[in-house]
């Protein structure tokens, strides 16, 4: 959809019920078998089905209470980039 990263993160945070409903059945199905091999087979059978069904889904309205899951990571990343940019800018002024 050519969305920028902040728009993608906002979309995921506001539509978290859809994504939870998408991943929860597959997580439960893969936890039922005791064998890792059978669990991997169950995953490899159902994952493409979930991807195709997710591709056919229609966009739903956002949740009333969006989860801010990515906010701490965005704040930390922005702080690191500001620090690096400030450090490189001050290094360039010395030369």
PDB file of N, CA and C in Angstrom:
ATOM      1  N   UNK A   1       0.818  -1.200   0.000  1.00  0.00           N
ATOM      2  CA  UNK A   1       0.000   0.000   0.000  1.00  0.00           C
ATOM      3  C   UNK A   1       0.862   1.264   0.000  1.00  0.00           C
ATOM      4  N   UNK A   2       2.158   1.099   0.002  1.00  0.00           N
ATOM      5  CA  UNK A   2       3.108   2.218  -0.013  1.00  0.00           C
ATOM      6  C   UNK A   2       2.942   3.125   1.198  1.00  0.00           C
ATOM      7  N   UNK A   3       2.661   2.546   2.333  1.00  0.00           N
ATOM      8  CA  UNK A   3       2.541   3.319   3.570  1.00  0.00           C
ATOM      9  C   UNK A   3       3.905   3.505   4.192  1.00  0.00           C
ATOM     10  N   UNK A   4       4.094   4.640   4.840  1.00  0.00           N
ATOM     11  CA  UNK A   4       5.309   4.861   5.612  1.00  0.00           C
ATOM     12  C   UNK A   4       5.215   4.061   6.902  1.00  0.00           C
ATOM     13  N   UNK A   5       6.357   3.897   7.573  1.00  0.00           N
ATOM     14  CA  UNK A   5       6.429   3.037   8.740  1.00  0.00           C
ATOM     15  C   UNK A   5       5.490   3.483   9.856  1.00  0.00           C
ATOM     16  N   UNK A   6       5.431   4.774  10.139  1.00  0.00           N
ATOM     17  CA  UNK A   6       4.570   5.234  11.242  1.00  0.00           C
ATOM     18  C   UNK A   6       3.106   4.948  10.973  1.00  0.00           C
ATOM     19  N   UNK A   7       2.689   5.004   9.715  1.00  0.00           N
ATOM     20  CA  UNK A   7       1.296   4.687   9.386  1.00  0.00           C
ATOM     21  C   UNK A   7       1.035   3.191   9.537  1.00  0.00           C
ATOM     22  N   UNK A   8       1.999   2.357   9.177  1.00  0.00           N
ATOM     23  CA  UNK A   8       1.849   0.912   9.345  1.00  0.00           C
ATOM     24  C   UNK A   8       1.732   0.546  10.821  1.00  0.00           C
ATOM     25  N   UNK A   9       2.595   1.132  11.640  1.00  0.00           N
ATOM     26  CA  UNK A   9       2.557   0.835  13.072  1.00  0.00           C
ATOM     27  C   UNK A   9       1.246   1.299  13.692  1.00  0.00           C
ATOM     28  N   UNK A  10       0.769   2.466  13.300  1.00  0.00           N
ATOM     29  CA  UNK A  10      -0.510   2.963  13.801  1.00  0.00           C
ATOM     30  C   UNK A  10      -1.649   2.039  13.379  1.00  0.00           C
ATOM     31  N   UNK A  11      -1.582   1.538  12.155  1.00  0.00           N
ATOM     32  CA  UNK A  11      -2.611   0.617  11.672  1.00  0.00           C
ATOM     33  C   UNK A  11      -2.618  -0.665  12.499  1.00  0.00           C
ATOM     34  N   UNK A  12      -1.453  -1.211  12.784  1.00  0.00           N
ATOM     35  CA  UNK A  12      -1.374  -2.441  13.588  1.00  0.00           C
ATOM     36  C   UNK A  12      -1.865  -2.176  15.003  1.00  0.00           C
ATOM     37  N   UNK A  13      -1.471  -1.038  15.590  1.00  0.00           N
ATOM     38  CA  UNK A  13      -1.878  -0.729  16.958  1.00  0.00           C
ATOM     39  C   UNK A  13      -3.378  -0.490  17.079  1.00  0.00           C
ATOM     40  N   UNK A  14      -3.998   0.063  16.062  1.00  0.00           N
ATOM     41  CA  UNK A  14      -5.428   0.344  16.149  1.00  0.00           C
ATOM     42  C   UNK A  14      -6.296  -0.833  15.699  1.00  0.00           C
ATOM     43  N   UNK A  15      -5.726  -1.774  14.969  1.00  0.00           N
ATOM     44  CA  UNK A  15      -6.472  -2.952  14.512  1.00  0.00           C
ATOM     45  C   UNK A  15      -5.971  -4.227  15.178  1.00  0.00           C
ATOM     46  N   UNK A  16      -5.538  -4.126  16.408  1.00  0.00           N
ATOM     47  CA  UNK A  16      -4.971  -5.277  17.114  1.00  0.00           C
ATOM     48  C   UNK A  16      -5.948  -6.433  17.284  1.00  0.00           C
ATOM     49  N   UNK A  17      -7.275  -6.210  17.422  1.00  0.00           N
ATOM     50  CA  UNK A  17      -8.157  -7.389  17.535  1.00  0.00           C
ATOM     51  C   UNK A  17      -8.117  -8.285  16.295  1.00  0.00           C
ATOM     52  N   UNK A  18      -8.013  -7.675  15.115  1.00  0.00           N
ATOM     53  CA  UNK A  18      -7.939  -8.453  13.878  1.00  0.00           C
ATOM     54  C   UNK A  18      -6.672  -9.303  13.860  1.00  0.00           C
ATOM     55  N   UNK A  19      -5.546  -8.699  14.207  1.00  0.00           N
ATOM     56  CA  UNK A  19      -4.284  -9.424  14.170  1.00  0.00           C
ATOM     57  C   UNK A  19      -4.228 -10.503  15.247  1.00  0.00           C
ATOM     58  N   UNK A  20      -4.833 -10.246  16.393  1.00  0.00           N
ATOM     59  CA  UNK A  20      -4.897 -11.258  17.447  1.00  0.00           C
ATOM     60  C   UNK A  20      -5.743 -12.439  16.991  1.00  0.00           C
ATOM     61  N   UNK A  21      -6.871 -12.161  16.364  1.00  0.00           N
ATOM     62  CA  UNK A  21      -7.725 -13.237  15.854  1.00  0.00           C
ATOM     63  C   UNK A  21      -7.056 -13.980  14.709  1.00  0.00           C
ATOM     64  N   UNK A  22      -6.159 -13.325  14.022  1.00  0.00           N
ATOM     65  CA  UNK A  22      -5.448 -13.967  12.920  1.00  0.00           C
ATOM     66  C   UNK A  22      -4.421 -14.968  13.445  1.00  0.00           C
ATOM     67  N   UNK A  23      -3.698 -14.624  14.494  1.00  0.00           N
ATOM     68  CA  UNK A  23      -2.577 -15.439  14.946  1.00  0.00           C
ATOM     69  C   UNK A  23      -2.957 -16.423  16.059  1.00  0.00           C
ATOM     70  N   UNK A  24      -3.969 -16.120  16.835  1.00  0.00           N
ATOM     71  CA  UNK A  24      -4.306 -16.953  17.983  1.00  0.00           C
ATOM     72  C   UNK A  24      -4.711 -18.388  17.610  1.00  0.00           C
ATOM     73  N   UNK A  25      -5.583 -18.606  16.628  1.00  0.00           N
ATOM     74  CA  UNK A  25      -5.936 -20.000  16.288  1.00  0.00           C
ATOM     75  C   UNK A  25      -4.725 -20.814  15.829  1.00  0.00           C
ATOM     76  N   UNK A  26      -3.842 -20.202  15.057  1.00  0.00           N
ATOM     77  CA  UNK A  26      -2.659 -20.926  14.595  1.00  0.00           C
ATOM     78  C   UNK A  26      -1.724 -21.242  15.754  1.00  0.00           C
ATOM     79  N   UNK A  27      -1.588 -20.326  16.686  1.00  0.00           N
ATOM     80  CA  UNK A  27      -0.750 -20.581  17.859  1.00  0.00           C
ATOM     81  C   UNK A  27      -1.321 -21.719  18.699  1.00  0.00           C
ATOM     82  N   UNK A  28      -2.614 -21.747  18.858  1.00  0.00           N
ATOM     83  CA  UNK A  28      -3.239 -22.821  19.642  1.00  0.00           C
ATOM     84  C   UNK A  28      -3.111 -24.159  18.917  1.00  0.00           C
ATOM     85  N   UNK A  29      -3.334 -24.165  17.596  1.00  0.00           N
ATOM     86  CA  UNK A  29      -3.220 -25.410  16.827  1.00  0.00           C
ATOM     87  C   UNK A  29      -1.815 -25.990  16.871  1.00  0.00           C
ATOM     88  N   UNK A  30      -0.805 -25.144  16.884  1.00  0.00           N
ATOM     89  CA  UNK A  30       0.562 -25.660  16.897  1.00  0.00           C
ATOM     90  C   UNK A  30       1.023 -26.058  18.298  1.00  0.00           C
ATOM     91  N   UNK A  31       0.311 -25.669  19.333  1.00  0.00           N
ATOM     92  CA  UNK A  31       0.674 -26.061  20.690  1.00  0.00           C
ATOM     93  C   UNK A  31       0.035 -27.384  21.117  1.00  0.00           C
ATOM     94  N   UNK A  32      -0.972 -27.836  20.404  1.00  0.00           N
ATOM     95  CA  UNK A  32      -1.682 -29.063  20.780  1.00  0.00           C
ATOM     96  C   UNK A  32      -0.808 -30.311  20.632  1.00  0.00           C
ATOM     97  N   UNK A  33      -0.132 -30.515  19.492  1.00  0.00           N
ATOM     98  CA  UNK A  33       0.694 -31.737  19.371  1.00  0.00           C
ATOM     99  C   UNK A  33       1.899 -31.696  20.310  1.00  0.00           C
ATOM    100  N   UNK A  34       2.292 -32.859  20.796  1.00  0.00           N
ATOM    101  CA  UNK A  34       3.445 -32.957  21.683  1.00  0.00           C
ATOM    102  C   UNK A  34       4.763 -32.980  20.900  1.00  0.00           C
ATOM    103  N   UNK A  35       4.724 -33.380  19.670  1.00  0.00           N
ATOM    104  CA  UNK A  35       5.925 -33.494  18.845  1.00  0.00           C
ATOM    105  C   UNK A  35       6.177 -32.184  18.085  1.00  0.00           C
ATOM    106  N   UNK A  36       7.442 -31.775  18.064  1.00  0.00           N
ATOM    107  CA  UNK A  36       7.804 -30.580  17.298  1.00  0.00           C
ATOM    108  C   UNK A  36       7.621 -30.800  15.804  1.00  0.00           C
ATOM    109  N   UNK A  37       7.837 -32.009  15.364  1.00  0.00           N
ATOM    110  CA  UNK A  37       7.689 -32.321  13.937  1.00  0.00           C
ATOM    111  C   UNK A  37       6.232 -32.211  13.522  1.00  0.00           C
ATOM    112  N   UNK A  38       5.345 -32.799  14.291  1.00  0.00           N
ATOM    113  CA  UNK A  38       3.914 -32.722  13.977  1.00  0.00           C
ATOM    114  C   UNK A  38       3.433 -31.275  14.095  1.00  0.00           C
ATOM    115  N   UNK A  39       3.920 -30.577  15.094  1.00  0.00           N
ATOM    116  CA  UNK A  39       3.561 -29.166  15.254  1.00  0.00           C
ATOM    117  C   UNK A  39       4.012 -28.347  14.049  1.00  0.00           C
ATOM    118  N   UNK A  40       5.222 -28.629  13.548  1.00  0.00           N
ATOM    119  CA  UNK A  40       5.717 -27.952  12.346  1.00  0.00           C
ATOM    120  C   UNK A  40       4.885 -28.287  11.124  1.00  0.00           C
ATOM    121  N   UNK A  41       4.438 -29.542  11.039  1.00  0.00           N
ATOM    122  CA  UNK A  41       3.585 -29.942   9.918  1.00  0.00           C
ATOM    123  C   UNK A  41       2.236 -29.237   9.978  1.00  0.00           C
ATOM    124  N   UNK A  42       1.661 -29.161  11.174  1.00  0.00           N
ATOM    125  CA  UNK A  42       0.389 -28.450  11.346  1.00  0.00           C
ATOM    126  C   UNK A  42       0.554 -26.989  10.938  1.00  0.00           C
ATOM    127  N   UNK A  43       1.660 -26.380  11.370  1.00  0.00           N
ATOM    128  CA  UNK A  43       1.921 -24.981  11.011  1.00  0.00           C
ATOM    129  C   UNK A  43       2.072 -24.824   9.500  1.00  0.00           C
ATOM    130  N   UNK A  44       2.839 -25.729   8.875  1.00  0.00           N
ATOM    131  CA  UNK A  44       3.078 -25.601   7.437  1.00  0.00           C
ATOM    132  C   UNK A  44       1.818 -25.851   6.614  1.00  0.00           C
ATOM    133  N   UNK A  45       0.864 -26.567   7.163  1.00  0.00           N
ATOM    134  CA  UNK A  45      -0.400 -26.793   6.452  1.00  0.00           C
ATOM    135  C   UNK A  45      -1.328 -25.591   6.601  1.00  0.00           C
ATOM    136  N   UNK A  46      -1.459 -25.082   7.820  1.00  0.00           N
ATOM    137  CA  UNK A  46      -2.447 -24.041   8.070  1.00  0.00           C
ATOM    138  C   UNK A  46      -1.961 -22.622   7.800  1.00  0.00           C
ATOM    139  N   UNK A  47      -0.652 -22.358   7.860  1.00  0.00           N
ATOM    140  CA  UNK A  47      -0.162 -20.993   7.662  1.00  0.00           C
ATOM    141  C   UNK A  47      -0.527 -20.423   6.288  1.00  0.00           C
ATOM    142  N   UNK A  48      -0.327 -21.164   5.195  1.00  0.00           N
ATOM    143  CA  UNK A  48      -0.744 -20.620   3.892  1.00  0.00           C
ATOM    144  C   UNK A  48      -2.246 -20.340   3.820  1.00  0.00           C
ATOM    145  N   UNK A  49      -3.033 -21.173   4.476  1.00  0.00           N
ATOM    146  CA  UNK A  49      -4.485 -20.944   4.490  1.00  0.00           C
ATOM    147  C   UNK A  49      -4.808 -19.638   5.208  1.00  0.00           C
ATOM    148  N   UNK A  50      -4.123 -19.387   6.328  1.00  0.00           N
ATOM    149  CA  UNK A  50      -4.338 -18.145   7.067  1.00  0.00           C
ATOM    150  C   UNK A  50      -3.883 -16.937   6.253  1.00  0.00           C
ATOM    151  N   UNK A  51      -2.782 -17.054   5.535  1.00  0.00           N
ATOM    152  CA  UNK A  51      -2.292 -15.950   4.710  1.00  0.00           C
ATOM    153  C   UNK A  51      -3.296 -15.647   3.595  1.00  0.00           C
ATOM    154  N   UNK A  52      -3.795 -16.674   2.936  1.00  0.00           N
ATOM    155  CA  UNK A  52      -4.775 -16.455   1.869  1.00  0.00           C
ATOM    156  C   UNK A  52      -6.077 -15.865   2.411  1.00  0.00           C
ATOM    157  N   UNK A  53      -6.520 -16.362   3.557  1.00  0.00           N
ATOM    158  CA  UNK A  53      -7.763 -15.823   4.116  1.00  0.00           C
ATOM    159  C   UNK A  53      -7.560 -14.385   4.600  1.00  0.00           C
ATOM    160  N   UNK A  54      -6.376 -14.063   5.104  1.00  0.00           N
ATOM    161  CA  UNK A  54      -6.091 -12.685   5.507  1.00  0.00           C
ATOM    162  C   UNK A  54      -6.019 -11.753   4.320  1.00  0.00           C
ATOM    163  N   UNK A  55      -5.572 -12.281   3.186  1.00  0.00           N
ATOM    164  CA  UNK A  55      -5.500 -11.474   1.975  1.00  0.00           C
ATOM    165  C   UNK A  55      -6.888 -11.155   1.442  1.00  0.00           C
ATOM    166  N   UNK A  56      -7.830 -12.028   1.680  1.00  0.00           N
ATOM    167  CA  UNK A  56      -9.194 -11.835   1.212  1.00  0.00           C
ATOM    168  C   UNK A  56     -10.059 -11.050   2.189  1.00  0.00           C
ATOM    169  N   UNK A  57      -9.553 -10.782   3.373  1.00  0.00           N
ATOM    170  CA  UNK A  57     -10.337 -10.078   4.394  1.00  0.00           C
ATOM    171  C   UNK A  57     -10.527  -8.622   4.004  1.00  0.00           C
ATOM    172  N   UNK A  58     -11.612  -8.053   4.462  1.00  0.00           N
ATOM    173  CA  UNK A  58     -11.860  -6.635   4.231  1.00  0.00           C
ATOM    174  C   UNK A  58     -11.354  -5.844   5.432  1.00  0.00           C
ATOM    175  N   UNK A  59     -10.981  -4.610   5.157  1.00  0.00           N
ATOM    176  CA  UNK A  59     -10.459  -3.760   6.221  1.00  0.00           C
ATOM    177  C   UNK A  59     -11.580  -3.396   7.190  1.00  0.00           C
ATOM    178  N   UNK A  60     -11.292  -3.540   8.472  1.00  0.00           N
ATOM    179  CA  UNK A  60     -12.274  -3.228   9.503  1.00  0.00           C
ATOM    180  C   UNK A  60     -11.930  -1.892  10.133  1.00  0.00           C
ATOM    181  N   UNK A  61     -12.911  -1.324  10.800  1.00  0.00           N
ATOM    182  CA  UNK A  61     -12.662  -0.078  11.514  1.00  0.00           C
ATOM    183  C   UNK A  61     -11.746  -0.360  12.695  1.00  0.00           C
ATOM    184  N   UNK A  62     -10.988   0.640  13.091  1.00  0.00           N
ATOM    185  CA  UNK A  62     -10.036   0.484  14.185  1.00  0.00           C
ATOM    186  C   UNK A  62     -10.721   0.232  15.516  1.00  0.00           C
ATOM    187  N   UNK A  63      -9.953  -0.259  16.454  1.00  0.00           N
ATOM    188  CA  UNK A  63     -10.451  -0.539  17.793  1.00  0.00           C
ATOM    189  C   UNK A  63     -10.674   0.771  18.550  1.00  0.00           C
ATOM    190  N   UNK A  64     -11.574   0.718  19.546  1.00  0.00           N
ATOM    191  CA  UNK A  64     -11.820   1.903  20.366  1.00  0.00           C
ATOM    192  C   UNK A  64     -10.650   2.206  21.288  1.00  0.00           C
ATOM    193  N   UNK A  65      -9.878   1.189  21.622  1.00  0.00           N
ATOM    194  CA  UNK A  65      -8.723   1.391  22.511  1.00  0.00           C
ATOM    195  C   UNK A  65      -7.471   0.813  21.848  1.00  0.00           C
ATOM    196  N   UNK A  66      -6.762   1.631  21.073  1.00  0.00           N
ATOM    197  CA  UNK A  66      -5.560   1.126  20.408  1.00  0.00           C
ATOM    198  C   UNK A  66      -4.465   0.805  21.423  1.00  0.00           C
ATOM    199  N   UNK A  67      -3.727  -0.246  21.150  1.00  0.00           N
ATOM    200  CA  UNK A  67      -2.585  -0.615  21.992  1.00  0.00           C
ATOM    201  C   UNK A  67      -1.356   0.115  21.482  1.00  0.00           C
ATOM    202  N   UNK A  68      -0.631   0.726  22.354  1.00  0.00           N
ATOM    203  CA  UNK A  68       0.596   1.441  21.975  1.00  0.00           C
ATOM    204  C   UNK A  68       1.791   0.516  22.194  1.00  0.00           C
ATOM    205  N   UNK A  69       1.851  -0.562  21.418  1.00  0.00           N
ATOM    206  CA  UNK A  69       2.901  -1.558  21.568  1.00  0.00           C
ATOM    207  C   UNK A  69       4.255  -1.058  21.085  1.00  0.00           C
ATOM    208  N   UNK A  70       4.262  -0.268  20.044  1.00  0.00           N
ATOM    209  CA  UNK A  70       5.509   0.138  19.419  1.00  0.00           C
ATOM    210  C   UNK A  70       6.033   1.478  19.929  1.00  0.00           C
ATOM    211  N   UNK A  71       5.284   2.157  20.777  1.00  0.00           N
ATOM    212  CA  UNK A  71       5.703   3.478  21.256  1.00  0.00           C
ATOM    213  C   UNK A  71       7.051   3.463  21.962  1.00  0.00           C
ATOM    214  N   UNK A  72       7.314   2.533  22.897  1.00  0.00           N
ATOM    215  CA  UNK A  72       8.636   2.542  23.541  1.00  0.00           C
ATOM    216  C   UNK A  72       9.780   2.309  22.556  1.00  0.00           C
ATOM    217  N   UNK A  73       9.594   1.418  21.602  1.00  0.00           N
ATOM    218  CA  UNK A  73      10.639   1.135  20.624  1.00  0.00           C
ATOM    219  C   UNK A  73      10.881   2.350  19.729  1.00  0.00           C
ATOM    220  N   UNK A  74       9.823   3.035  19.333  1.00  0.00           N
ATOM    221  CA  UNK A  74       9.961   4.222  18.490  1.00  0.00           C
ATOM    222  C   UNK A  74      10.696   5.321  19.249  1.00  0.00           C
ATOM    223  N   UNK A  75      10.365   5.519  20.520  1.00  0.00           N
ATOM    224  CA  UNK A  75      11.034   6.553  21.323  1.00  0.00           C
ATOM    225  C   UNK A  75      12.520   6.231  21.473  1.00  0.00           C
ATOM    226  N   UNK A  76      12.848   4.985  21.771  1.00  0.00           N
ATOM    227  CA  UNK A  76      14.252   4.591  21.923  1.00  0.00           C
ATOM    228  C   UNK A  76      15.007   4.739  20.601  1.00  0.00           C
ATOM    229  N   UNK A  77      14.414   4.285  19.509  1.00  0.00           N
ATOM    230  CA  UNK A  77      15.064   4.392  18.195  1.00  0.00           C
ATOM    231  C   UNK A  77      15.287   5.841  17.804  1.00  0.00           C
ATOM    232  N   UNK A  78      14.277   6.679  18.008  1.00  0.00           N
ATOM    233  CA  UNK A  78      14.439   8.096  17.686  1.00  0.00           C
ATOM    234  C   UNK A  78      15.528   8.735  18.537  1.00  0.00           C
ATOM    235  N   UNK A  79      15.611   8.357  19.813  1.00  0.00           N
ATOM    236  CA  UNK A  79      16.664   8.888  20.673  1.00  0.00           C
ATOM    237  C   UNK A  79      18.049   8.481  20.197  1.00  0.00           C
ATOM    238  N   UNK A  80      18.197   7.221  19.789  1.00  0.00           N
ATOM    239  CA  UNK A  80      19.492   6.750  19.280  1.00  0.00           C
ATOM    240  C   UNK A  80      19.854   7.487  17.999  1.00  0.00           C
ATOM    241  N   UNK A  81      18.902   7.642  17.083  1.00  0.00           N
ATOM    242  CA  UNK A  81      19.196   8.339  15.833  1.00  0.00           C
ATOM    243  C   UNK A  81      19.547   9.800  16.074  1.00  0.00           C
ATOM    244  N   UNK A  82      18.844  10.457  16.999  1.00  0.00           N
ATOM    245  CA  UNK A  82      19.184  11.850  17.326  1.00  0.00           C
ATOM    246  C   UNK A  82      20.591  11.944  17.900  1.00  0.00           C
ATOM    247  N   UNK A  83      20.941  11.009  18.795  1.00  0.00           N
ATOM    248  CA  UNK A  83      22.269  11.016  19.400  1.00  0.00           C
ATOM    249  C   UNK A  83      23.349  10.808  18.342  1.00  0.00           C
ATOM    250  N   UNK A  84      23.131   9.836  17.457  1.00  0.00           N
ATOM    251  CA  UNK A  84      24.116   9.559  16.407  1.00  0.00           C
ATOM    252  C   UNK A  84      24.218  10.737  15.449  1.00  0.00           C
ATOM    253  N   UNK A  85      23.091  11.307  15.071  1.00  0.00           N
ATOM    254  CA  UNK A  85      23.105  12.445  14.156  1.00  0.00           C
ATOM    255  C   UNK A  85      23.788  13.639  14.794  1.00  0.00           C
ATOM    256  N   UNK A  86      23.497  13.880  16.081  1.00  0.00           N
ATOM    257  CA  UNK A  86      24.129  14.994  16.797  1.00  0.00           C
ATOM    258  C   UNK A  86      25.631  14.763  16.938  1.00  0.00           C
ATOM    259  N   UNK A  87      26.032  13.526  17.221  1.00  0.00           N
ATOM    260  CA  UNK A  87      27.452  13.195  17.358  1.00  0.00           C
ATOM    261  C   UNK A  87      28.186  13.351  16.042  1.00  0.00           C
ATOM    262  N   UNK A  88      27.583  12.910  14.956  1.00  0.00           N
ATOM    263  CA  UNK A  88      28.238  13.026  13.653  1.00  0.00           C
ATOM    264  C   UNK A  88      28.285  14.481  13.197  1.00  0.00           C
ATOM    265  N   UNK A  89      27.266  15.259  13.521  1.00  0.00           N
ATOM    266  CA  UNK A  89      27.268  16.670  13.159  1.00  0.00           C
ATOM    267  C   UNK A  89      28.350  17.426  13.926  1.00  0.00           C
ATOM    268  N   UNK A  90      28.519  17.121  15.211  1.00  0.00           N
ATOM    269  CA  UNK A  90      29.555  17.797  15.997  1.00  0.00           C
ATOM    270  C   UNK A  90      30.941  17.334  15.566  1.00  0.00           C
ATOM    271  N   UNK A  91      31.075  16.098  15.107  1.00  0.00           N
ATOM    272  CA  UNK A  91      32.352  15.585  14.597  1.00  0.00           C
ATOM    273  C   UNK A  91      32.719  16.285  13.300  1.00  0.00           C
ATOM    274  N   UNK A  92      31.733  16.566  12.468  1.00  0.00           N
ATOM    275  CA  UNK A  92      32.002  17.228  11.194  1.00  0.00           C
ATOM    276  C   UNK A  92      32.400  18.687  11.396  1.00  0.00           C
ATOM    277  N   UNK A  93      31.872  19.342  12.426  1.00  0.00           N
ATOM    278  CA  UNK A  93      32.218  20.743  12.652  1.00  0.00           C
ATOM    279  C   UNK A  93      33.639  20.875  13.180  1.00  0.00           C
ATOM    280  N   UNK A  94      34.180  19.827  13.816  1.00  0.00           N
ATOM    281  CA  UNK A  94      35.548  19.874  14.304  1.00  0.00           C
ATOM    282  C   UNK A  94      36.548  19.788  13.184  1.00  0.00           C
ATOM    283  N   UNK A  95      36.223  19.116  12.089  1.00  0.00           N
ATOM    284  CA  UNK A  95      37.178  18.906  11.002  1.00  0.00           C
ATOM    285  C   UNK A  95      37.354  20.088  10.159  1.00  0.00           C
TER     286      UNK A  95
END
